[in-house]
Amino acid sequence: MKKLFIVLVVAAMGLPMSVTVSASPAPIAAAAASSTEIDKLLDQYEKAVLAYAAAAKKAQNGDMNAMAKMTELAAKVADLSEKLDKESKNMSQKQALRLSQIAAKMAAAMQ
């Protein structure tokens, strides 16, 4: 979670960021998520981030319901972010890139 938070902060500050993925595969633990499970987590994360961004836009116009929804969505995004952070060692390069792109969308929505 701390790593993703740092990525969000760096993205929000407009600083260049990169994702480093090891060329050699990491040993896979018995409890590690499969590539398909990681893709599902990424799908859920992206959906939550896009919903948060939409609610943030409405909240800027004074929509109180959207502000309440943002709180709910922020908790969901944080939970998914933590799960993805735990699986970061098991991600393919494509998945890691997708994660950083979604995190950048969240950083933009938070501004």
Foldseek 3Di string as FASTA:
>chain_A
DVVLVVLLVCLLVVHDDDDDADPDADDDDPPADDQVVLVVLLVQLLVLLVLLLVLLVVVVVPDPVSVVVNVVSVVVNVVSVVVNVVNVSVYDPVSRVSSSVSSSSNSVSVD
